[in-house]
């Protein structure tokens, strides 16, 4: 079964409140344990501020701009931007999440 992000968040919140190990919680609730543990690991990385960027989503550089893509998120920056500005952009995104 495929769950959307809202459903995954609901399962993960319920699991965190249960105090059980992810594997046990998943089995008790009819979820695939390996999949559920993957959700939990991803949530922990996001909470820690770390987001894995896989090779296919690395930044692409053109003469006019720098494009950073991760999933549905695209950030377009002018080629001459200052690196500290990228930090401010990312910090602003973190506040929105």
PDB file of N, CA and C in Angstrom:
ATOM      1  N   UNK A   1       0.843  -1.179   0.000  1.00  0.00           N
ATOM      2  CA  UNK A   1       0.000   0.000   0.000  1.00  0.00           C
ATOM      3  C   UNK A   1       0.887   1.239   0.000  1.00  0.00           C
ATOM      4  N   UNK A   2       0.460   2.267  -0.727  1.00  0.00           N
ATOM      5  CA  UNK A   2       1.209   3.512  -0.822  1.00  0.00           C
ATOM      6  C   UNK A   2       0.551   4.561   0.078  1.00  0.00           C
ATOM      7  N   UNK A   3       1.342   5.204   0.928  1.00  0.00           N
ATOM      8  CA  UNK A   3       0.833   6.242   1.823  1.00  0.00           C
ATOM      9  C   UNK A   3       1.344   7.596   1.378  1.00  0.00           C
ATOM     10  N   UNK A   4       0.497   8.629   1.463  1.00  0.00           N
ATOM     11  CA  UNK A   4       0.955   9.975   1.142  1.00  0.00           C
ATOM     12  C   UNK A   4       1.701  10.551   2.358  1.00  0.00           C
ATOM     13  N   UNK A   5       2.294  11.711   2.185  1.00  0.00           N
ATOM     14  CA  UNK A   5       3.120  12.296   3.252  1.00  0.00           C
ATOM     15  C   UNK A   5       2.313  12.584   4.514  1.00  0.00           C
ATOM     16  N   UNK A   6       1.069  12.996   4.365  1.00  0.00           N
ATOM     17  CA  UNK A   6       0.212  13.274   5.516  1.00  0.00           C
ATOM     18  C   UNK A   6      -0.061  11.994   6.316  1.00  0.00           C
ATOM     19  N   UNK A   7      -0.322  10.906   5.616  1.00  0.00           N
ATOM     20  CA  UNK A   7      -0.563   9.627   6.285  1.00  0.00           C
ATOM     21  C   UNK A   7       0.695   9.131   6.990  1.00  0.00           C
ATOM     22  N   UNK A   8       1.846   9.264   6.315  1.00  0.00           N
ATOM     23  CA  UNK A   8       3.110   8.860   6.947  1.00  0.00           C
ATOM     24  C   UNK A   8       3.346   9.647   8.219  1.00  0.00           C
ATOM     25  N   UNK A   9       3.085  10.957   8.161  1.00  0.00           N
ATOM     26  CA  UNK A   9       3.277  11.809   9.343  1.00  0.00           C
ATOM     27  C   UNK A   9       2.367  11.362  10.478  1.00  0.00           C
ATOM     28  N   UNK A  10       1.122  10.993  10.155  1.00  0.00           N
ATOM     29  CA  UNK A  10       0.192  10.527  11.180  1.00  0.00           C
ATOM     30  C   UNK A  10       0.706   9.255  11.844  1.00  0.00           C
ATOM     31  N   UNK A  11       1.166   8.293  11.018  1.00  0.00           N
ATOM     32  CA  UNK A  11       1.700   7.048  11.566  1.00  0.00           C
ATOM     33  C   UNK A  11       2.924   7.329  12.442  1.00  0.00           C
ATOM     34  N   UNK A  12       3.812   8.198  11.964  1.00  0.00           N
ATOM     35  CA  UNK A  12       5.039   8.485  12.707  1.00  0.00           C
ATOM     36  C   UNK A  12       4.759   9.198  14.028  1.00  0.00           C
ATOM     37  N   UNK A  13       3.806  10.127  14.033  1.00  0.00           N
ATOM     38  CA  UNK A  13       3.447  10.816  15.275  1.00  0.00           C
ATOM     39  C   UNK A  13       2.858   9.831  16.278  1.00  0.00           C
ATOM     40  N   UNK A  14       1.981   8.949  15.796  1.00  0.00           N
ATOM     41  CA  UNK A  14       1.385   7.944  16.680  1.00  0.00           C
ATOM     42  C   UNK A  14       2.461   7.018  17.238  1.00  0.00           C
ATOM     43  N   UNK A  15       3.407   6.629  16.385  1.00  0.00           N
ATOM     44  CA  UNK A  15       4.509   5.764  16.827  1.00  0.00           C
ATOM     45  C   UNK A  15       5.355   6.458  17.889  1.00  0.00           C
ATOM     46  N   UNK A  16       5.705   7.739  17.661  1.00  0.00           N
ATOM     47  CA  UNK A  16       6.536   8.460  18.632  1.00  0.00           C
ATOM     48  C   UNK A  16       5.851   8.533  19.989  1.00  0.00           C
ATOM     49  N   UNK A  17       4.542   8.703  19.984  1.00  0.00           N
ATOM     50  CA  UNK A  17       3.796   8.771  21.244  1.00  0.00           C
ATOM     51  C   UNK A  17       3.688   7.405  21.913  1.00  0.00           C
ATOM     52  N   UNK A  18       3.805   6.340  21.125  1.00  0.00           N
ATOM     53  CA  UNK A  18       3.657   4.991  21.684  1.00  0.00           C
ATOM     54  C   UNK A  18       4.856   4.569  22.528  1.00  0.00           C
ATOM     55  N   UNK A  19       6.025   5.117  22.219  1.00  0.00           N
ATOM     56  CA  UNK A  19       7.232   4.729  22.950  1.00  0.00           C
ATOM     57  C   UNK A  19       7.780   3.369  22.540  1.00  0.00           C
ATOM     58  N   UNK A  20       7.204   2.765  21.524  1.00  0.00           N
ATOM     59  CA  UNK A  20       7.649   1.439  21.075  1.00  0.00           C
ATOM     60  C   UNK A  20       8.757   1.566  20.048  1.00  0.00           C
ATOM     61  N   UNK A  21       9.474   0.480  19.838  1.00  0.00           N
ATOM     62  CA  UNK A  21      10.466   0.422  18.773  1.00  0.00           C
ATOM     63  C   UNK A  21       9.720   0.449  17.443  1.00  0.00           C
ATOM     64  N   UNK A  22      10.325   1.093  16.457  1.00  0.00           N
ATOM     65  CA  UNK A  22       9.673   1.271  15.159  1.00  0.00           C
ATOM     66  C   UNK A  22       9.261  -0.069  14.550  1.00  0.00           C
ATOM     67  N   UNK A  23      10.149  -1.050  14.633  1.00  0.00           N
ATOM     68  CA  UNK A  23       9.878  -2.368  14.039  1.00  0.00           C
ATOM     69  C   UNK A  23       8.639  -2.999  14.680  1.00  0.00           C
ATOM     70  N   UNK A  24       8.560  -2.951  15.995  1.00  0.00           N
ATOM     71  CA  UNK A  24       7.442  -3.546  16.735  1.00  0.00           C
ATOM     72  C   UNK A  24       6.145  -2.809  16.402  1.00  0.00           C
ATOM     73  N   UNK A  25       6.199  -1.476  16.433  1.00  0.00           N
ATOM     74  CA  UNK A  25       5.016  -0.672  16.125  1.00  0.00           C
ATOM     75  C   UNK A  25       4.490  -1.006  14.731  1.00  0.00           C
ATOM     76  N   UNK A  26       5.385  -1.083  13.759  1.00  0.00           N
ATOM     77  CA  UNK A  26       4.975  -1.370  12.384  1.00  0.00           C
ATOM     78  C   UNK A  26       4.265  -2.714  12.296  1.00  0.00           C
ATOM     79  N   UNK A  27       4.845  -3.740  12.893  1.00  0.00           N
ATOM     80  CA  UNK A  27       4.233  -5.080  12.829  1.00  0.00           C
ATOM     81  C   UNK A  27       2.868  -5.087  13.500  1.00  0.00           C
ATOM     82  N   UNK A  28       2.752  -4.416  14.636  1.00  0.00           N
ATOM     83  CA  UNK A  28       1.480  -4.379  15.362  1.00  0.00           C
ATOM     84  C   UNK A  28       0.386  -3.638  14.590  1.00  0.00           C
ATOM     85  N   UNK A  29       0.800  -2.733  13.701  1.00  0.00           N
ATOM     86  CA  UNK A  29      -0.176  -1.920  12.978  1.00  0.00           C
ATOM     87  C   UNK A  29      -0.304  -2.294  11.503  1.00  0.00           C
ATOM     88  N   UNK A  30       0.235  -3.462  11.129  1.00  0.00           N
ATOM     89  CA  UNK A  30       0.067  -3.959   9.778  1.00  0.00           C
ATOM     90  C   UNK A  30       0.870  -3.212   8.722  1.00  0.00           C
ATOM     91  N   UNK A  31       1.929  -2.523   9.157  1.00  0.00           N
ATOM     92  CA  UNK A  31       2.806  -1.813   8.232  1.00  0.00           C
ATOM     93  C   UNK A  31       4.017  -2.679   7.932  1.00  0.00           C
ATOM     94  N   UNK A  32       4.647  -2.457   6.804  1.00  0.00           N
ATOM     95  CA  UNK A  32       5.859  -3.197   6.462  1.00  0.00           C
ATOM     96  C   UNK A  32       6.997  -2.610   7.307  1.00  0.00           C
ATOM     97  N   UNK A  33       7.585  -3.409   8.205  1.00  0.00           N
ATOM     98  CA  UNK A  33       8.586  -2.879   9.131  1.00  0.00           C
ATOM     99  C   UNK A  33       9.764  -2.165   8.459  1.00  0.00           C
ATOM    100  N   UNK A  34      10.311  -2.735   7.387  1.00  0.00           N
ATOM    101  CA  UNK A  34      11.449  -2.106   6.717  1.00  0.00           C
ATOM    102  C   UNK A  34      11.071  -0.726   6.170  1.00  0.00           C
ATOM    103  N   UNK A  35       9.884  -0.620   5.605  1.00  0.00           N
ATOM    104  CA  UNK A  35       9.409   0.646   5.061  1.00  0.00           C
ATOM    105  C   UNK A  35       9.207   1.660   6.181  1.00  0.00           C
ATOM    106  N   UNK A  36       8.574   1.223   7.257  1.00  0.00           N
ATOM    107  CA  UNK A  36       8.301   2.134   8.368  1.00  0.00           C
ATOM    108  C   UNK A  36       9.589   2.639   9.012  1.00  0.00           C
ATOM    109  N   UNK A  37      10.555   1.759   9.187  1.00  0.00           N
ATOM    110  CA  UNK A  37      11.847   2.169   9.741  1.00  0.00           C
ATOM    111  C   UNK A  37      12.502   3.200   8.812  1.00  0.00           C
ATOM    112  N   UNK A  38      12.370   3.021   7.502  1.00  0.00           N
ATOM    113  CA  UNK A  38      12.886   4.004   6.548  1.00  0.00           C
ATOM    114  C   UNK A  38      12.225   5.365   6.734  1.00  0.00           C
ATOM    115  N   UNK A  39      10.894   5.377   6.938  1.00  0.00           N
ATOM    116  CA  UNK A  39      10.199   6.637   7.194  1.00  0.00           C
ATOM    117  C   UNK A  39      10.755   7.301   8.452  1.00  0.00           C
ATOM    118  N   UNK A  40      10.944   6.485   9.491  1.00  0.00           N
ATOM    119  CA  UNK A  40      11.426   7.015  10.772  1.00  0.00           C
ATOM    120  C   UNK A  40      12.836   7.597  10.632  1.00  0.00           C
ATOM    121  N   UNK A  41      13.693   6.923   9.880  1.00  0.00           N
ATOM    122  CA  UNK A  41      15.052   7.427   9.670  1.00  0.00           C
ATOM    123  C   UNK A  41      15.026   8.740   8.895  1.00  0.00           C
ATOM    124  N   UNK A  42      14.191   8.806   7.869  1.00  0.00           N
ATOM    125  CA  UNK A  42      14.087  10.033   7.078  1.00  0.00           C
ATOM    126  C   UNK A  42      13.592  11.177   7.955  1.00  0.00           C
ATOM    127  N   UNK A  43      12.601  10.907   8.782  1.00  0.00           N
ATOM    128  CA  UNK A  43      12.061  11.941   9.683  1.00  0.00           C
ATOM    129  C   UNK A  43      13.133  12.425  10.651  1.00  0.00           C
ATOM    130  N   UNK A  44      13.946  11.506  11.155  1.00  0.00           N
ATOM    131  CA  UNK A  44      15.016  11.888  12.085  1.00  0.00           C
ATOM    132  C   UNK A  44      16.041  12.782  11.389  1.00  0.00           C
ATOM    133  N   UNK A  45      16.386  12.460  10.135  1.00  0.00           N
ATOM    134  CA  UNK A  45      17.338  13.297   9.383  1.00  0.00           C
ATOM    135  C   UNK A  45      16.778  14.681   9.160  1.00  0.00           C
ATOM    136  N   UNK A  46      15.498  14.767   8.813  1.00  0.00           N
ATOM    137  CA  UNK A  46      14.869  16.062   8.563  1.00  0.00           C
ATOM    138  C   UNK A  46      14.812  16.875   9.849  1.00  0.00           C
ATOM    139  N   UNK A  47      14.446  16.228  10.960  1.00  0.00           N
ATOM    140  CA  UNK A  47      14.411  16.928  12.245  1.00  0.00           C
ATOM    141  C   UNK A  47      15.780  17.439  12.646  1.00  0.00           C
ATOM    142  N   UNK A  48      16.828  16.708  12.266  1.00  0.00           N
ATOM    143  CA  UNK A  48      18.182  17.119  12.633  1.00  0.00           C
ATOM    144  C   UNK A  48      18.695  18.229  11.722  1.00  0.00           C
ATOM    145  N   UNK A  49      17.942  18.553  10.660  1.00  0.00           N
ATOM    146  CA  UNK A  49      18.363  19.579   9.723  1.00  0.00           C
ATOM    147  C   UNK A  49      19.163  19.023   8.561  1.00  0.00           C
ATOM    148  N   UNK A  50      19.412  17.723   8.545  1.00  0.00           N
ATOM    149  CA  UNK A  50      20.174  17.093   7.477  1.00  0.00           C
ATOM    150  C   UNK A  50      19.212  16.524   6.452  1.00  0.00           C
ATOM    151  N   UNK A  51      19.413  16.856   5.206  1.00  0.00           N
ATOM    152  CA  UNK A  51      18.636  16.275   4.112  1.00  0.00           C
ATOM    153  C   UNK A  51      19.619  15.712   3.103  1.00  0.00           C
ATOM    154  N   UNK A  52      19.504  14.443   2.819  1.00  0.00           N
ATOM    155  CA  UNK A  52      20.394  13.797   1.870  1.00  0.00           C
ATOM    156  C   UNK A  52      20.072  14.259   0.458  1.00  0.00           C
ATOM    157  N   UNK A  53      21.110  14.640  -0.292  1.00  0.00           N
ATOM    158  CA  UNK A  53      20.945  15.021  -1.688  1.00  0.00           C
ATOM    159  C   UNK A  53      21.639  13.957  -2.522  1.00  0.00           C
ATOM    160  N   UNK A  54      20.852  13.236  -3.305  1.00  0.00           N
ATOM    161  CA  UNK A  54      21.377  12.160  -4.125  1.00  0.00           C
ATOM    162  C   UNK A  54      21.981  12.730  -5.406  1.00  0.00           C
ATOM    163  N   UNK A  55      22.886  12.000  -6.051  1.00  0.00           N
ATOM    164  CA  UNK A  55      23.562  12.512  -7.248  1.00  0.00           C
ATOM    165  C   UNK A  55      22.636  13.051  -8.329  1.00  0.00           C
ATOM    166  N   UNK A  56      21.488  12.430  -8.574  1.00  0.00           N
ATOM    167  CA  UNK A  56      20.607  12.903  -9.634  1.00  0.00           C
ATOM    168  C   UNK A  56      19.955  14.240  -9.296  1.00  0.00           C
ATOM    169  N   UNK A  57      20.064  14.711  -8.058  1.00  0.00           N
ATOM    170  CA  UNK A  57      19.457  15.991  -7.706  1.00  0.00           C
ATOM    171  C   UNK A  57      20.510  17.026  -7.319  1.00  0.00           C
ATOM    172  N   UNK A  58      21.741  16.819  -7.728  1.00  0.00           N
ATOM    173  CA  UNK A  58      22.805  17.780  -7.429  1.00  0.00           C
ATOM    174  C   UNK A  58      22.604  19.053  -8.244  1.00  0.00           C
ATOM    175  N   UNK A  59      23.283  20.123  -7.822  1.00  0.00           N
ATOM    176  CA  UNK A  59      23.127  21.419  -8.480  1.00  0.00           C
ATOM    177  C   UNK A  59      23.649  21.378  -9.910  1.00  0.00           C
ATOM    178  N   UNK A  60      22.926  22.041 -10.796  1.00  0.00           N
ATOM    179  CA  UNK A  60      23.348  22.188 -12.190  1.00  0.00           C
ATOM    180  C   UNK A  60      23.741  23.643 -12.395  1.00  0.00           C
ATOM    181  N   UNK A  61      24.852  23.873 -13.059  1.00  0.00           N
ATOM    182  CA  UNK A  61      25.343  25.232 -13.246  1.00  0.00           C
ATOM    183  C   UNK A  61      25.225  25.627 -14.713  1.00  0.00           C
ATOM    184  N   UNK A  62      24.641  26.795 -14.947  1.00  0.00           N
ATOM    185  CA  UNK A  62      24.595  27.370 -16.282  1.00  0.00           C
ATOM    186  C   UNK A  62      25.266  28.735 -16.214  1.00  0.00           C
ATOM    187  N   UNK A  63      25.449  29.404 -17.336  1.00  0.00           N
ATOM    188  CA  UNK A  63      26.058  30.725 -17.326  1.00  0.00           C
ATOM    189  C   UNK A  63      25.174  31.743 -16.625  1.00  0.00           C
ATOM    190  N   UNK A  64      23.879  31.653 -16.796  1.00  0.00           N
ATOM    191  CA  UNK A  64      22.963  32.659 -16.275  1.00  0.00           C
ATOM    192  C   UNK A  64      22.562  32.430 -14.819  1.00  0.00           C
ATOM    193  N   UNK A  65      22.550  31.186 -14.386  1.00  0.00           N
ATOM    194  CA  UNK A  65      22.056  30.913 -13.035  1.00  0.00           C
ATOM    195  C   UNK A  65      22.560  29.575 -12.518  1.00  0.00           C
ATOM    196  N   UNK A  66      22.333  29.381 -11.235  1.00  0.00           N
ATOM    197  CA  UNK A  66      22.592  28.096 -10.593  1.00  0.00           C
ATOM    198  C   UNK A  66      21.227  27.550 -10.200  1.00  0.00           C
ATOM    199  N   UNK A  67      20.972  26.301 -10.532  1.00  0.00           N
ATOM    200  CA  UNK A  67      19.696  25.667 -10.222  1.00  0.00           C
ATOM    201  C   UNK A  67      19.963  24.520  -9.266  1.00  0.00           C
ATOM    202  N   UNK A  68      19.296  24.553  -8.109  1.00  0.00           N
ATOM    203  CA  UNK A  68      19.398  23.476  -7.129  1.00  0.00           C
ATOM    204  C   UNK A  68      18.031  22.818  -7.073  1.00  0.00           C
ATOM    205  N   UNK A  69      17.998  21.488  -7.292  1.00  0.00           N
ATOM    206  CA  UNK A  69      16.737  20.759  -7.286  1.00  0.00           C
ATOM    207  C   UNK A  69      16.788  19.627  -6.270  1.00  0.00           C
ATOM    208  N   UNK A  70      15.717  19.466  -5.516  1.00  0.00           N
ATOM    209  CA  UNK A  70      15.540  18.345  -4.600  1.00  0.00           C
ATOM    210  C   UNK A  70      14.061  18.020  -4.593  1.00  0.00           C
ATOM    211  N   UNK A  71      13.693  16.918  -5.225  1.00  0.00           N
ATOM    212  CA  UNK A  71      12.285  16.554  -5.315  1.00  0.00           C
ATOM    213  C   UNK A  71      11.511  17.617  -6.066  1.00  0.00           C
ATOM    214  N   UNK A  72      10.450  18.149  -5.446  1.00  0.00           N
ATOM    215  CA  UNK A  72       9.628  19.176  -6.074  1.00  0.00           C
ATOM    216  C   UNK A  72      10.156  20.588  -5.833  1.00  0.00           C
ATOM    217  N   UNK A  73      11.226  20.721  -5.066  1.00  0.00           N
ATOM    218  CA  UNK A  73      11.764  22.033  -4.733  1.00  0.00           C
ATOM    219  C   UNK A  73      12.849  22.419  -5.729  1.00  0.00           C
ATOM    220  N   UNK A  74      12.726  23.625  -6.285  1.00  0.00           N
ATOM    221  CA  UNK A  74      13.731  24.147  -7.212  1.00  0.00           C
ATOM    222  C   UNK A  74      14.129  25.537  -6.731  1.00  0.00           C
ATOM    223  N   UNK A  75      15.422  25.765  -6.599  1.00  0.00           N
ATOM    224  CA  UNK A  75      15.931  27.073  -6.207  1.00  0.00           C
ATOM    225  C   UNK A  75      16.793  27.584  -7.345  1.00  0.00           C
ATOM    226  N   UNK A  76      16.414  28.743  -7.911  1.00  0.00           N
ATOM    227  CA  UNK A  76      17.156  29.381  -8.985  1.00  0.00           C
ATOM    228  C   UNK A  76      17.938  30.545  -8.376  1.00  0.00           C
ATOM    229  N   UNK A  77      19.240  30.569  -8.586  1.00  0.00           N
ATOM    230  CA  UNK A  77      20.085  31.641  -8.071  1.00  0.00           C
ATOM    231  C   UNK A  77      20.883  32.249  -9.209  1.00  0.00           C
ATOM    232  N   UNK A  78      21.063  33.581  -9.208  1.00  0.00           N
ATOM    233  CA  UNK A  78      21.905  34.164 -10.248  1.00  0.00           C
ATOM    234  C   UNK A  78      23.328  33.658 -10.100  1.00  0.00           C
ATOM    235  N   UNK A  79      24.048  33.531 -11.209  1.00  0.00           N
ATOM    236  CA  UNK A  79      25.389  32.955 -11.186  1.00  0.00           C
ATOM    237  C   UNK A  79      26.330  33.696 -10.244  1.00  0.00           C
ATOM    238  N   UNK A  80      26.138  34.998 -10.027  1.00  0.00           N
ATOM    239  CA  UNK A  80      27.044  35.765  -9.179  1.00  0.00           C
ATOM    240  C   UNK A  80      26.602  35.883  -7.730  1.00  0.00           C
ATOM    241  N   UNK A  81      25.710  35.010  -7.260  1.00  0.00           N
ATOM    242  CA  UNK A  81      25.218  35.143  -5.888  1.00  0.00           C
ATOM    243  C   UNK A  81      26.333  34.901  -4.869  1.00  0.00           C
ATOM    244  N   UNK A  82      26.148  35.444  -3.694  1.00  0.00           N
ATOM    245  CA  UNK A  82      27.123  35.266  -2.606  1.00  0.00           C
ATOM    246  C   UNK A  82      26.743  34.004  -1.823  1.00  0.00           C
ATOM    247  N   UNK A  83      27.732  33.205  -1.457  1.00  0.00           N
ATOM    248  CA  UNK A  83      27.455  31.927  -0.788  1.00  0.00           C
ATOM    249  C   UNK A  83      26.703  32.126   0.529  1.00  0.00           C
ATOM    250  N   UNK A  84      26.954  33.229   1.232  1.00  0.00           N
ATOM    251  CA  UNK A  84      26.227  33.442   2.499  1.00  0.00           C
ATOM    252  C   UNK A  84      24.737  33.626   2.243  1.00  0.00           C
ATOM    253  N   UNK A  85      24.382  34.142   1.044  1.00  0.00           N
ATOM    254  CA  UNK A  85      22.974  34.303   0.697  1.00  0.00           C
ATOM    255  C   UNK A  85      22.267  32.956   0.606  1.00  0.00           C
ATOM    256  N   UNK A  86      22.959  31.938   0.130  1.00  0.00           N
ATOM    257  CA  UNK A  86      22.367  30.606   0.061  1.00  0.00           C
ATOM    258  C   UNK A  86      22.043  30.115   1.471  1.00  0.00           C
ATOM    259  N   UNK A  87      22.930  30.368   2.414  1.00  0.00           N
ATOM    260  CA  UNK A  87      22.675  30.002   3.808  1.00  0.00           C
ATOM    261  C   UNK A  87      21.426  30.676   4.341  1.00  0.00           C
ATOM    262  N   UNK A  88      21.220  31.941   4.010  1.00  0.00           N
ATOM    263  CA  UNK A  88      20.034  32.671   4.449  1.00  0.00           C
ATOM    264  C   UNK A  88      18.772  32.086   3.813  1.00  0.00           C
ATOM    265  N   UNK A  89      18.870  31.713   2.548  1.00  0.00           N
ATOM    266  CA  UNK A  89      17.733  31.098   1.860  1.00  0.00           C
ATOM    267  C   UNK A  89      17.354  29.782   2.518  1.00  0.00           C
ATOM    268  N   UNK A  90      18.354  28.959   2.773  1.00  0.00           N
ATOM    269  CA  UNK A  90      18.091  27.646   3.398  1.00  0.00           C
ATOM    270  C   UNK A  90      17.533  27.823   4.805  1.00  0.00           C
ATOM    271  N   UNK A  91      18.056  28.768   5.549  1.00  0.00           N
ATOM    272  CA  UNK A  91      17.543  29.020   6.896  1.00  0.00           C
ATOM    273  C   UNK A  91      16.087  29.467   6.818  1.00  0.00           C
ATOM    274  N   UNK A  92      15.756  30.304   5.830  1.00  0.00           N
ATOM    275  CA  UNK A  92      14.368  30.739   5.647  1.00  0.00           C
ATOM    276  C   UNK A  92      13.453  29.581   5.300  1.00  0.00           C
ATOM    277  N   UNK A  93      13.918  28.666   4.476  1.00  0.00           N
ATOM    278  CA  UNK A  93      13.120  27.490   4.149  1.00  0.00           C
ATOM    279  C   UNK A  93      12.887  26.627   5.364  1.00  0.00           C
ATOM    280  N   UNK A  94      13.895  26.492   6.201  1.00  0.00           N
ATOM    281  CA  UNK A  94      13.777  25.667   7.403  1.00  0.00           C
ATOM    282  C   UNK A  94      12.687  26.220   8.317  1.00  0.00           C
ATOM    283  N   UNK A  95      12.571  27.531   8.417  1.00  0.00           N
ATOM    284  CA  UNK A  95      11.542  28.149   9.254  1.00  0.00           C
ATOM    285  C   UNK A  95      10.169  27.815   8.710  1.00  0.00           C
ATOM    286  N   UNK A  96      10.006  27.805   7.394  1.00  0.00           N
ATOM    287  CA  UNK A  96       8.725  27.505   6.772  1.00  0.00           C
ATOM    288  C   UNK A  96       8.313  26.056   6.972  1.00  0.00           C
ATOM    289  N   UNK A  97       9.285  25.135   7.049  1.00  0.00           N
ATOM    290  CA  UNK A  97       8.968  23.716   7.189  1.00  0.00           C
ATOM    291  C   UNK A  97       8.490  23.469   8.587  1.00  0.00           C
TER     292      UNK A  97
END
